[in-house]
Amino acid sequence: MRGSASALAAGRRHSVGRRWDGTVLAAGNNDAGECRVERWEGVVAVAAGNVHTARNTGKSHTVGLRSDGTVLATGWNGDGQCDVAEWRNVRAVAAGWRRTLGLLGDGTVLAAGRRSEGQCEVQFWREIVALACGDWHSVGLRADGSALAVGINSRGQCDVYGWRDLTAVAAGYLHTVALRGDGRALATGERTTGACDVDQWEDVVALTAGSYHTVGVTAHGRVLAAGDNSQGQCHVRDWQDIVAVAAGSIHTLGLRADGTVVSAGNNANRQCDVDSWSGIQLSS
C-alpha cells in the first residue's frame, strides 16, 4: 500500500488520515468525491488510489477498512474500484490506479477495478499478510517473508520472487520496495529516477513509495527519502519523531508520535493542508 496501512494515505491530489476515534479526515482535490469521508466511522485503516503524474486525469478514490471487517469506498468508480460494499472479513486494504485490493482473514485476496494489465490477478495468492498497489502492478507479502507480484513488469517492478525475510512492501509507478527484518531496504524496477537508491538505508522500520520517490522511517523517528524531488516531496530530512509515512504521486505525509501530521511536496490541490490535523493514530 502507498503509505501506512492504518493511519495515513496519499493519492495523486488528496490526503487521508484516520483519527483515534475511527473517524477520517481528508484534504485536497474532491472532484470525484474522493474526500467525502466525513461520515465514516469505525475505520481502522485507510488507503488512497494514486496515479502517475503524467496521467493527469484528476480522478481518484479513497478506501476505508472498518473494525468489523467491512470496507467503505468513495470517489471515482469508472472501473468498479469502489465496488467493495459486499466484502467481509477484510483485514487490510490497498488502493492503486483504478483498483482496490482487500486481504481476507484466511490470507487470500480480493480485487475490484481495472484488470487489463493483470494487476488484479490475485485470486490464487495464499498466506498473504500485507498488500501494496502501484499504478499497474500489485504486490503481496507472504507469511514466510517472501513476496509475489502481478501486473505490468516493463521495468522489472515485479521481479520480487527472490526476496526473503521481508516485513513490509510498497509499490510506486514503476518500482517496488520492501523492508527486511534487519532494517535494510530492497528495491526493484526503474532506476533512472533514483527511487530505488535505498541500498544504503539502515535501521528502517517503515517505508512507502510514491510515483517516483521512496520514503523510509528509522527506528529513531527520522525520515529518509530517495528519488524525484522536483516538487519538494523528498524534503523530509528535518522531520523528527515520525512513526509513519505515506507517499502520494508528488507529495509526502509524515505522522508524528503526538498524532499531528507534516507534509512536503506539491500542494496545488491543497493536499498538503494537514497542519491542523490531530489525533491521527496507528491501529493497535
C-alpha atoms as a PDB file:
ATOM      1  CA  MET A   1       0.000   0.000   0.000  1.00  0.00           C
ATOM      2  CA  ARG A   2       1.265   3.536  -0.562  1.00  0.00           C
ATOM      3  CA  GLY A   3       1.649   4.696   2.952  1.00  0.00           C
ATOM      4  CA  SER A   4       0.882   3.446   6.405  1.00  0.00           C
ATOM      5  CA  ALA A   5      -1.575   0.590   6.372  1.00  0.00           C
ATOM      6  CA  SER A   6      -3.629   2.242   9.081  1.00  0.00           C
ATOM      7  CA  ALA A   7      -3.121   5.928   9.688  1.00  0.00           C
ATOM      8  CA  LEU A   8      -2.243   7.899   6.549  1.00  0.00           C
ATOM      9  CA  ALA A   9      -2.798   7.610   2.814  1.00  0.00           C
ATOM     10  CA  ALA A  10      -1.731   9.865  -0.031  1.00  0.00           C
ATOM     11  CA  GLY A  11      -3.147   9.887  -3.540  1.00  0.00           C
ATOM     12  CA  ARG A  12      -2.383  11.939  -6.623  1.00  0.00           C
ATOM     13  CA  ARG A  13      -4.094  15.074  -5.342  1.00  0.00           C
ATOM     14  CA  HIS A  14      -5.512  14.236  -1.928  1.00  0.00           C
ATOM     15  CA  SER A  15      -4.523  13.063   1.541  1.00  0.00           C
ATOM     16  CA  VAL A  16      -6.401  10.955   4.074  1.00  0.00           C
ATOM     17  CA  GLY A  17      -5.906  10.388   7.788  1.00  0.00           C
ATOM     18  CA  ARG A  18      -7.520   8.030  10.291  1.00  0.00           C
ATOM     19  CA  ARG A  19      -8.181   9.504  13.733  1.00  0.00           C
ATOM     20  CA  TRP A  20      -8.019   7.733  17.088  1.00  0.00           C
ATOM     21  CA  ASP A  21     -11.817   7.553  17.306  1.00  0.00           C
ATOM     22  CA  GLY A  22     -12.249   5.820  13.937  1.00  0.00           C
ATOM     23  CA  THR A  23     -13.288   8.918  12.035  1.00  0.00           C
ATOM     24  CA  VAL A  24     -11.432  10.065   8.918  1.00  0.00           C
ATOM     25  CA  LEU A  25     -10.058  13.381   7.672  1.00  0.00           C
ATOM     26  CA  ALA A  26      -9.292  14.291   4.062  1.00  0.00           C
ATOM     27  CA  ALA A  27      -7.682  17.225   2.261  1.00  0.00           C
ATOM     28  CA  GLY A  28      -7.155  18.072  -1.381  1.00  0.00           C
ATOM     29  CA  ASN A  29      -8.941  17.542  -4.654  1.00  0.00           C
ATOM     30  CA  ASN A  30     -12.530  16.327  -4.310  1.00  0.00           C
ATOM     31  CA  ASP A  31     -13.698  16.438  -7.936  1.00  0.00           C
ATOM     32  CA  ALA A  32     -14.653  12.749  -7.883  1.00  0.00           C
ATOM     33  CA  GLY A  33     -15.784  12.720  -4.251  1.00  0.00           C
ATOM     34  CA  GLU A  34     -12.582  11.131  -3.003  1.00  0.00           C
ATOM     35  CA  CYS A  35     -12.617  13.383   0.086  1.00  0.00           C
ATOM     36  CA  ARG A  36     -16.202  12.593   1.117  1.00  0.00           C
ATOM     37  CA  VAL A  37     -15.216  10.733   4.265  1.00  0.00           C
ATOM     38  CA  GLU A  38     -16.743  12.973   6.907  1.00  0.00           C
ATOM     39  CA  ARG A  39     -19.440  10.445   7.818  1.00  0.00           C
ATOM     40  CA  TRP A  40     -17.171   7.425   8.058  1.00  0.00           C
ATOM     41  CA  GLU A  41     -16.990   5.781  11.490  1.00  0.00           C
ATOM     42  CA  GLY A  42     -15.292   2.759  12.992  1.00  0.00           C
ATOM     43  CA  VAL A  43     -12.413   2.927  10.499  1.00  0.00           C
ATOM     44  CA  VAL A  44      -9.142   1.190  11.357  1.00  0.00           C
ATOM     45  CA  ALA A  45      -7.215   1.678   8.094  1.00  0.00           C
ATOM     46  CA  VAL A  46      -7.299   3.942   5.047  1.00  0.00           C
ATOM     47  CA  ALA A  47      -5.944   3.738   1.507  1.00  0.00           C
ATOM     48  CA  ALA A  48      -5.901   6.196  -1.389  1.00  0.00           C
ATOM     49  CA  GLY A  49      -5.883   5.436  -5.086  1.00  0.00           C
ATOM     50  CA  ASN A  50      -2.876   7.008  -6.715  1.00  0.00           C
ATOM     51  CA  VAL A  51      -1.985   7.902 -10.275  1.00  0.00           C
ATOM     52  CA  HIS A  52       1.290   8.542 -12.078  1.00  0.00           C
ATOM     53  CA  THR A  53       1.780  12.279 -12.678  1.00  0.00           C
ATOM     54  CA  ALA A  54       1.664  12.105 -16.482  1.00  0.00           C
ATOM     55  CA  ARG A  55      -1.789  10.534 -16.333  1.00  0.00           C
ATOM     56  CA  ASN A  56      -3.374  13.799 -15.255  1.00  0.00           C
ATOM     57  CA  THR A  57      -6.998  12.682 -15.034  1.00  0.00           C
ATOM     58  CA  GLY A  58      -7.721  14.116 -11.606  1.00  0.00           C
ATOM     59  CA  LYS A  59      -9.758  11.009 -10.802  1.00  0.00           C
ATOM     60  CA  SER A  60      -9.062   9.011  -7.681  1.00  0.00           C
ATOM     61  CA  HIS A  61     -10.735   7.102  -4.858  1.00  0.00           C
ATOM     62  CA  THR A  62     -10.417   6.520  -1.129  1.00  0.00           C
ATOM     63  CA  VAL A  63     -10.919   3.281   0.789  1.00  0.00           C
ATOM     64  CA  GLY A  64     -11.584   2.704   4.473  1.00  0.00           C
ATOM     65  CA  LEU A  65     -11.449  -0.571   6.385  1.00  0.00           C
ATOM     66  CA  ARG A  66     -13.869  -0.770   9.307  1.00  0.00           C
ATOM     67  CA  SER A  67     -13.301  -2.623  12.558  1.00  0.00           C
ATOM     68  CA  ASP A  68     -15.985  -5.173  11.640  1.00  0.00           C
ATOM     69  CA  GLY A  69     -14.085  -6.240   8.509  1.00  0.00           C
ATOM     70  CA  THR A  70     -16.293  -4.389   6.040  1.00  0.00           C
ATOM     71  CA  VAL A  71     -14.953  -1.827   3.552  1.00  0.00           C
ATOM     72  CA  LEU A  72     -16.025   1.681   2.558  1.00  0.00           C
ATOM     73  CA  ALA A  73     -15.069   3.454  -0.672  1.00  0.00           C
ATOM     74  CA  THR A  74     -15.713   6.843  -2.208  1.00  0.00           C
ATOM     75  CA  GLY A  75     -14.556   8.655  -5.317  1.00  0.00           C
ATOM     76  CA  TRP A  76     -14.209   7.781  -8.955  1.00  0.00           C
ATOM     77  CA  ASN A  77     -15.620   4.350  -9.775  1.00  0.00           C
ATOM     78  CA  GLY A  78     -15.143   4.155 -13.535  1.00  0.00           C
ATOM     79  CA  ASP A  79     -13.667   0.664 -13.365  1.00  0.00           C
ATOM     80  CA  GLY A  80     -15.591  -0.631 -10.359  1.00  0.00           C
ATOM     81  CA  GLN A  81     -12.758   0.057  -7.941  1.00  0.00           C
ATOM     82  CA  CYS A  82     -15.272   1.230  -5.332  1.00  0.00           C
ATOM     83  CA  ASP A  83     -17.479  -1.872  -5.606  1.00  0.00           C
ATOM     84  CA  VAL A  84     -16.419  -3.226  -2.224  1.00  0.00           C
ATOM     85  CA  ALA A  85     -19.641  -2.960  -0.209  1.00  0.00           C
ATOM     86  CA  GLU A  86     -20.119  -6.731  -0.159  1.00  0.00           C
ATOM     87  CA  TRP A  87     -16.634  -7.538   1.090  1.00  0.00           C
ATOM     88  CA  ARG A  88     -16.468  -9.181   4.533  1.00  0.00           C
ATOM     89  CA  ASN A  89     -13.758 -10.408   6.919  1.00  0.00           C
ATOM     90  CA  VAL A  90     -11.197  -7.998   5.448  1.00  0.00           C
ATOM     91  CA  ARG A  91      -8.014  -7.407   7.461  1.00  0.00           C
ATOM     92  CA  ALA A  92      -6.164  -4.900   5.237  1.00  0.00           C
ATOM     93  CA  VAL A  93      -6.792  -2.784   2.142  1.00  0.00           C
ATOM     94  CA  ALA A  94      -4.652  -1.284  -0.617  1.00  0.00           C
ATOM     95  CA  ALA A  95      -5.589   1.094  -3.419  1.00  0.00           C
ATOM     96  CA  GLY A  96      -3.890   1.782  -6.730  1.00  0.00           C
ATOM     97  CA  TRP A  97      -4.795   3.316 -10.045  1.00  0.00           C
ATOM     98  CA  ARG A  98      -8.380   2.221 -10.778  1.00  0.00           C
ATOM     99  CA  ARG A  99      -8.364  -0.727  -8.354  1.00  0.00           C
ATOM    100  CA  THR A 100      -8.723  -1.833  -4.746  1.00  0.00           C
ATOM    101  CA  LEU A 101      -7.340  -4.932  -3.031  1.00  0.00           C
ATOM    102  CA  GLY A 102      -8.585  -6.487   0.177  1.00  0.00           C
ATOM    103  CA  LEU A 103      -6.772  -9.014   2.350  1.00  0.00           C
ATOM    104  CA  LEU A 104      -9.058 -11.584   3.952  1.00  0.00           C
ATOM    105  CA  GLY A 105      -8.554 -13.223   7.301  1.00  0.00           C
ATOM    106  CA  ASP A 106      -7.611 -16.512   5.668  1.00  0.00           C
ATOM    107  CA  GLY A 107      -4.702 -14.948   3.765  1.00  0.00           C
ATOM    108  CA  THR A 108      -6.434 -14.778   0.387  1.00  0.00           C
ATOM    109  CA  VAL A 109      -7.007 -11.548  -1.558  1.00  0.00           C
ATOM    110  CA  LEU A 110      -9.987  -9.851  -3.201  1.00  0.00           C
ATOM    111  CA  ALA A 111      -9.706  -7.366  -6.082  1.00  0.00           C
ATOM    112  CA  ALA A 112     -12.034  -4.798  -7.612  1.00  0.00           C
ATOM    113  CA  GLY A 113     -11.377  -2.497 -10.549  1.00  0.00           C
ATOM    114  CA  ARG A 114      -9.302  -2.421 -13.703  1.00  0.00           C
ATOM    115  CA  ARG A 115      -7.901  -5.799 -14.739  1.00  0.00           C
ATOM    116  CA  SER A 116      -6.486  -5.102 -18.200  1.00  0.00           C
ATOM    117  CA  GLU A 117      -2.835  -5.222 -17.197  1.00  0.00           C
ATOM    118  CA  GLY A 118      -3.108  -8.252 -14.894  1.00  0.00           C
ATOM    119  CA  GLN A 119      -2.826  -6.239 -11.698  1.00  0.00           C
ATOM    120  CA  CYS A 120      -5.949  -7.891 -10.231  1.00  0.00           C
ATOM    121  CA  GLU A 121      -4.839 -11.467 -10.912  1.00  0.00           C
ATOM    122  CA  VAL A 122      -4.531 -12.247  -7.211  1.00  0.00           C
ATOM    123  CA  GLN A 123      -7.149 -14.984  -6.888  1.00  0.00           C
ATOM    124  CA  PHE A 124      -4.548 -17.701  -6.401  1.00  0.00           C
ATOM    125  CA  TRP A 125      -2.486 -15.888  -3.780  1.00  0.00           C
ATOM    126  CA  ARG A 126      -2.323 -17.637  -0.401  1.00  0.00           C
ATOM    127  CA  GLU A 127      -0.847 -16.923   3.035  1.00  0.00           C
ATOM    128  CA  ILE A 128      -0.697 -13.181   2.359  1.00  0.00           C
ATOM    129  CA  VAL A 129      -0.156 -10.836   5.310  1.00  0.00           C
ATOM    130  CA  ALA A 130       0.257  -7.430   3.597  1.00  0.00           C
ATOM    131  CA  LEU A 131      -0.555  -5.752   0.274  1.00  0.00           C
ATOM    132  CA  ALA A 132       0.696  -2.885  -1.881  1.00  0.00           C
ATOM    133  CA  CYS A 133      -0.603  -1.307  -5.085  1.00  0.00           C
ATOM    134  CA  GLY A 134       1.438   0.510  -7.687  1.00  0.00           C
ATOM    135  CA  ASP A 135      -0.129   2.040 -10.757  1.00  0.00           C
ATOM    136  CA  TRP A 136      -0.167  -1.104 -12.883  1.00  0.00           C
ATOM    137  CA  HIS A 137       1.187  -3.764 -10.540  1.00  0.00           C
ATOM    138  CA  SER A 138       0.209  -5.323  -7.227  1.00  0.00           C
ATOM    139  CA  VAL A 139       2.490  -6.809  -4.587  1.00  0.00           C
ATOM    140  CA  GLY A 140       1.754  -9.250  -1.787  1.00  0.00           C
ATOM    141  CA  LEU A 141       3.837 -10.126   1.261  1.00  0.00           C
ATOM    142  CA  ARG A 142       3.548 -13.766   2.340  1.00  0.00           C
ATOM    143  CA  ALA A 143       3.680 -15.114   5.884  1.00  0.00           C
ATOM    144  CA  ASP A 144       7.078 -16.708   5.195  1.00  0.00           C
ATOM    145  CA  GLY A 145       8.622 -13.324   4.351  1.00  0.00           C
ATOM    146  CA  SER A 146       8.611 -13.793   0.583  1.00  0.00           C
ATOM    147  CA  ALA A 147       6.799 -11.612  -1.975  1.00  0.00           C
ATOM    148  CA  LEU A 148       4.535 -12.037  -5.003  1.00  0.00           C
ATOM    149  CA  ALA A 149       3.762  -9.529  -7.752  1.00  0.00           C
ATOM    150  CA  VAL A 150       1.412  -9.346 -10.732  1.00  0.00           C
ATOM    151  CA  GLY A 151       0.762  -6.786 -13.445  1.00  0.00           C
ATOM    152  CA  ILE A 152       2.954  -4.854 -15.827  1.00  0.00           C
ATOM    153  CA  ASN A 153       6.659  -5.632 -15.418  1.00  0.00           C
ATOM    154  CA  SER A 154       8.103  -3.280 -18.010  1.00  0.00           C
ATOM    155  CA  ARG A 155      10.896  -2.049 -15.710  1.00  0.00           C
ATOM    156  CA  GLY A 156      11.299  -5.153 -13.580  1.00  0.00           C
ATOM    157  CA  GLN A 157       8.974  -3.820 -10.890  1.00  0.00           C
ATOM    158  CA  CYS A 158       7.525  -7.305 -10.408  1.00  0.00           C
ATOM    159  CA  ASP A 159      10.892  -9.046 -10.045  1.00  0.00           C
ATOM    160  CA  VAL A 160      10.469  -9.785  -6.332  1.00  0.00           C
ATOM    161  CA  TYR A 161      10.462 -13.577  -6.269  1.00  0.00           C
ATOM    162  CA  GLY A 162      13.939 -13.969  -4.794  1.00  0.00           C
ATOM    163  CA  TRP A 163      13.314 -11.653  -1.870  1.00  0.00           C
ATOM    164  CA  ARG A 164      13.251 -13.190   1.616  1.00  0.00           C
ATOM    165  CA  ASP A 165      12.889 -12.165   5.262  1.00  0.00           C
ATOM    166  CA  LEU A 166      10.556  -9.298   4.374  1.00  0.00           C
ATOM    167  CA  THR A 167       8.369  -7.412   6.855  1.00  0.00           C
ATOM    168  CA  ALA A 168       6.744  -4.818   4.557  1.00  0.00           C
ATOM    169  CA  VAL A 169       6.265  -3.963   0.865  1.00  0.00           C
ATOM    170  CA  ALA A 170       5.385  -0.797  -1.052  1.00  0.00           C
ATOM    171  CA  ALA A 171       4.802  -0.058  -4.730  1.00  0.00           C
ATOM    172  CA  GLY A 172       5.226   3.049  -6.883  1.00  0.00           C
ATOM    173  CA  TYR A 173       4.620   3.747 -10.542  1.00  0.00           C
ATOM    174  CA  LEU A 174       7.497   1.677 -11.949  1.00  0.00           C
ATOM    175  CA  HIS A 175       9.240   0.395  -8.832  1.00  0.00           C
ATOM    176  CA  THR A 176       8.724  -1.830  -5.808  1.00  0.00           C
ATOM    177  CA  VAL A 177      10.441  -1.585  -2.440  1.00  0.00           C
ATOM    178  CA  ALA A 178      10.491  -3.864   0.587  1.00  0.00           C
ATOM    179  CA  LEU A 179      11.713  -3.797   4.164  1.00  0.00           C
ATOM    180  CA  ARG A 180      13.717  -6.695   5.569  1.00  0.00           C
ATOM    181  CA  GLY A 181      13.721  -7.914   9.123  1.00  0.00           C
ATOM    182  CA  ASP A 182      17.214  -6.495   9.662  1.00  0.00           C
ATOM    183  CA  GLY A 183      16.061  -2.952   8.875  1.00  0.00           C
ATOM    184  CA  ARG A 184      17.538  -2.832   5.375  1.00  0.00           C
ATOM    185  CA  ALA A 185      15.546  -1.959   2.251  1.00  0.00           C
ATOM    186  CA  LEU A 186      15.354  -3.699  -1.132  1.00  0.00           C
ATOM    187  CA  ALA A 187      14.185  -2.221  -4.438  1.00  0.00           C
ATOM    188  CA  THR A 188      13.494  -3.298  -7.986  1.00  0.00           C
ATOM    189  CA  GLY A 189      12.250  -1.501 -11.065  1.00  0.00           C
ATOM    190  CA  GLU A 190      13.039   1.775 -12.824  1.00  0.00           C
ATOM    191  CA  ARG A 191      16.436   3.035 -11.673  1.00  0.00           C
ATOM    192  CA  THR A 192      16.780   6.325 -13.534  1.00  0.00           C
ATOM    193  CA  THR A 193      14.522   8.241 -11.128  1.00  0.00           C
ATOM    194  CA  GLY A 194      16.593   7.348  -8.062  1.00  0.00           C
ATOM    195  CA  ALA A 195      13.587   5.851  -6.282  1.00  0.00           C
ATOM    196  CA  CYS A 196      15.417   2.529  -5.990  1.00  0.00           C
ATOM    197  CA  ASP A 197      18.517   4.050  -4.369  1.00  0.00           C
ATOM    198  CA  VAL A 198      17.784   2.596  -0.944  1.00  0.00           C
ATOM    199  CA  ASP A 199      20.605   0.060  -0.679  1.00  0.00           C
ATOM    200  CA  GLN A 200      22.446   2.067   1.983  1.00  0.00           C
ATOM    201  CA  TRP A 201      19.452   2.631   4.227  1.00  0.00           C
ATOM    202  CA  GLU A 202      19.731   1.107   7.690  1.00  0.00           C
ATOM    203  CA  ASP A 203      17.592   0.801  10.803  1.00  0.00           C
ATOM    204  CA  VAL A 204      14.389   1.323   8.811  1.00  0.00           C
ATOM    205  CA  VAL A 205      11.075   0.387  10.467  1.00  0.00           C
ATOM    206  CA  ALA A 206       8.548   1.572   7.845  1.00  0.00           C
ATOM    207  CA  LEU A 207       8.549   2.654   4.199  1.00  0.00           C
ATOM    208  CA  THR A 208       6.295   3.949   1.452  1.00  0.00           C
ATOM    209  CA  ALA A 209       6.540   4.524  -2.293  1.00  0.00           C
ATOM    210  CA  GLY A 210       5.292   7.434  -4.368  1.00  0.00           C
ATOM    211  CA  SER A 211       5.256   7.578  -8.139  1.00  0.00           C
ATOM    212  CA  TYR A 212       8.965   8.336  -8.437  1.00  0.00           C
ATOM    213  CA  HIS A 213      10.188   8.510  -4.853  1.00  0.00           C
ATOM    214  CA  THR A 214      10.627   6.270  -1.824  1.00  0.00           C
ATOM    215  CA  VAL A 215      10.426   7.293   1.829  1.00  0.00           C
ATOM    216  CA  GLY A 216      11.505   5.396   4.940  1.00  0.00           C
ATOM    217  CA  VAL A 217      11.255   5.913   8.706  1.00  0.00           C
ATOM    218  CA  THR A 218      14.106   4.920  11.013  1.00  0.00           C
ATOM    219  CA  ALA A 219      13.785   3.487  14.500  1.00  0.00           C
ATOM    220  CA  HIS A 220      14.804   6.919  15.827  1.00  0.00           C
ATOM    221  CA  GLY A 221      11.913   8.698  14.130  1.00  0.00           C
ATOM    222  CA  ARG A 222      13.963  10.301  11.377  1.00  0.00           C
ATOM    223  CA  VAL A 223      12.949  10.129   7.714  1.00  0.00           C
ATOM    224  CA  LEU A 224      14.921   9.067   4.635  1.00  0.00           C
ATOM    225  CA  ALA A 225      13.951   9.800   1.039  1.00  0.00           C
ATOM    226  CA  ALA A 226      15.240   8.856  -2.403  1.00  0.00           C
ATOM    227  CA  GLY A 227      14.140   9.668  -5.921  1.00  0.00           C
ATOM    228  CA  ASP A 228      12.466  12.551  -7.692  1.00  0.00           C
ATOM    229  CA  ASN A 229      12.353  15.750  -5.673  1.00  0.00           C
ATOM    230  CA  SER A 230      11.066  18.122  -8.340  1.00  0.00           C
ATOM    231  CA  GLN A 231       8.125  19.175  -6.153  1.00  0.00           C
ATOM    232  CA  GLY A 232       9.992  19.052  -2.839  1.00  0.00           C
ATOM    233  CA  GLN A 233       8.439  15.697  -1.927  1.00  0.00           C
ATOM    234  CA  CYS A 234      11.777  14.476  -0.567  1.00  0.00           C
ATOM    235  CA  HIS A 235      12.353  17.485   1.707  1.00  0.00           C
ATOM    236  CA  VAL A 236      11.890  15.400   4.831  1.00  0.00           C
ATOM    237  CA  ARG A 237      15.340  15.447   6.408  1.00  0.00           C
ATOM    238  CA  ASP A 238      14.330  17.824   9.213  1.00  0.00           C
ATOM    239  CA  TRP A 239      11.288  15.808  10.289  1.00  0.00           C
ATOM    240  CA  GLN A 240      11.524  14.282  13.765  1.00  0.00           C
ATOM    241  CA  ASP A 241       9.513  11.919  15.956  1.00  0.00           C
ATOM    242  CA  ILE A 242       7.874  10.317  12.900  1.00  0.00           C
ATOM    243  CA  VAL A 243       6.128   6.958  13.310  1.00  0.00           C
ATOM    244  CA  ALA A 244       4.569   6.502   9.846  1.00  0.00           C
ATOM    245  CA  VAL A 245       4.794   7.957   6.338  1.00  0.00           C
ATOM    246  CA  ALA A 246       2.668   7.999   3.215  1.00  0.00           C
ATOM    247  CA  ALA A 247       3.832   8.978  -0.267  1.00  0.00           C
ATOM    248  CA  GLY A 248       1.492  10.249  -2.938  1.00  0.00           C
ATOM    249  CA  SER A 249       2.419  10.899  -6.508  1.00  0.00           C
ATOM    250  CA  ILE A 250       4.274  14.132  -5.785  1.00  0.00           C
ATOM    251  CA  HIS A 251       3.770  14.769  -2.070  1.00  0.00           C
ATOM    252  CA  THR A 252       4.719  13.076   1.199  1.00  0.00           C
ATOM    253  CA  LEU A 253       2.998  12.883   4.587  1.00  0.00           C
ATOM    254  CA  GLY A 254       4.551  12.098   7.948  1.00  0.00           C
ATOM    255  CA  LEU A 255       2.766  11.141  11.155  1.00  0.00           C
ATOM    256  CA  ARG A 256       4.371  12.398  14.350  1.00  0.00           C
ATOM    257  CA  ALA A 257       4.200  10.424  17.585  1.00  0.00           C
ATOM    258  CA  ASP A 258       1.863  13.077  19.013  1.00  0.00           C
ATOM    259  CA  GLY A 259      -0.761  12.438  16.303  1.00  0.00           C
ATOM    260  CA  THR A 260      -0.074  15.524  14.209  1.00  0.00           C
ATOM    261  CA  VAL A 261       0.924  15.421  10.552  1.00  0.00           C
ATOM    262  CA  VAL A 262       3.637  17.100   8.491  1.00  0.00           C
ATOM    263  CA  SER A 263       3.818  17.331   4.718  1.00  0.00           C
ATOM    264  CA  ALA A 264       6.165  18.116   1.849  1.00  0.00           C
ATOM    265  CA  GLY A 265       5.776  18.470  -1.892  1.00  0.00           C
ATOM    266  CA  ASN A 266       3.167  19.680  -4.332  1.00  0.00           C
ATOM    267  CA  ASN A 267       0.198  21.465  -2.763  1.00  0.00           C
ATOM    268  CA  ALA A 268      -1.604  22.652  -5.885  1.00  0.00           C
ATOM    269  CA  ASN A 269      -4.813  20.990  -4.734  1.00  0.00           C
ATOM    270  CA  ARG A 270      -4.252  21.672  -1.019  1.00  0.00           C
ATOM    271  CA  GLN A 271      -3.384  18.041  -0.416  1.00  0.00           C
ATOM    272  CA  CYS A 272      -0.688  19.232   1.989  1.00  0.00           C
ATOM    273  CA  ASP A 273      -3.091  21.315   4.103  1.00  0.00           C
ATOM    274  CA  VAL A 274      -2.818  18.915   7.026  1.00  0.00           C
ATOM    275  CA  ASP A 275      -1.168  21.165   9.609  1.00  0.00           C
ATOM    276  CA  SER A 276      -4.372  21.352  11.627  1.00  0.00           C
ATOM    277  CA  TRP A 277      -4.867  17.592  11.784  1.00  0.00           C
ATOM    278  CA  SER A 278      -4.545  15.961  15.183  1.00  0.00           C
ATOM    279  CA  GLY A 279      -5.403  12.657  16.763  1.00  0.00           C
ATOM    280  CA  ILE A 280      -4.168  10.644  13.776  1.00  0.00           C
ATOM    281  CA  GLN A 281      -3.303   7.253  15.169  1.00  0.00           C
ATOM    282  CA  LEU A 282      -1.973   3.909  14.040  1.00  0.00           C
ATOM    283  CA  SER A 283      -4.268   0.971  14.625  1.00  0.00           C
ATOM    284  CA  SER A 284      -3.421  -1.069  17.675  1.00  0.00           C
END
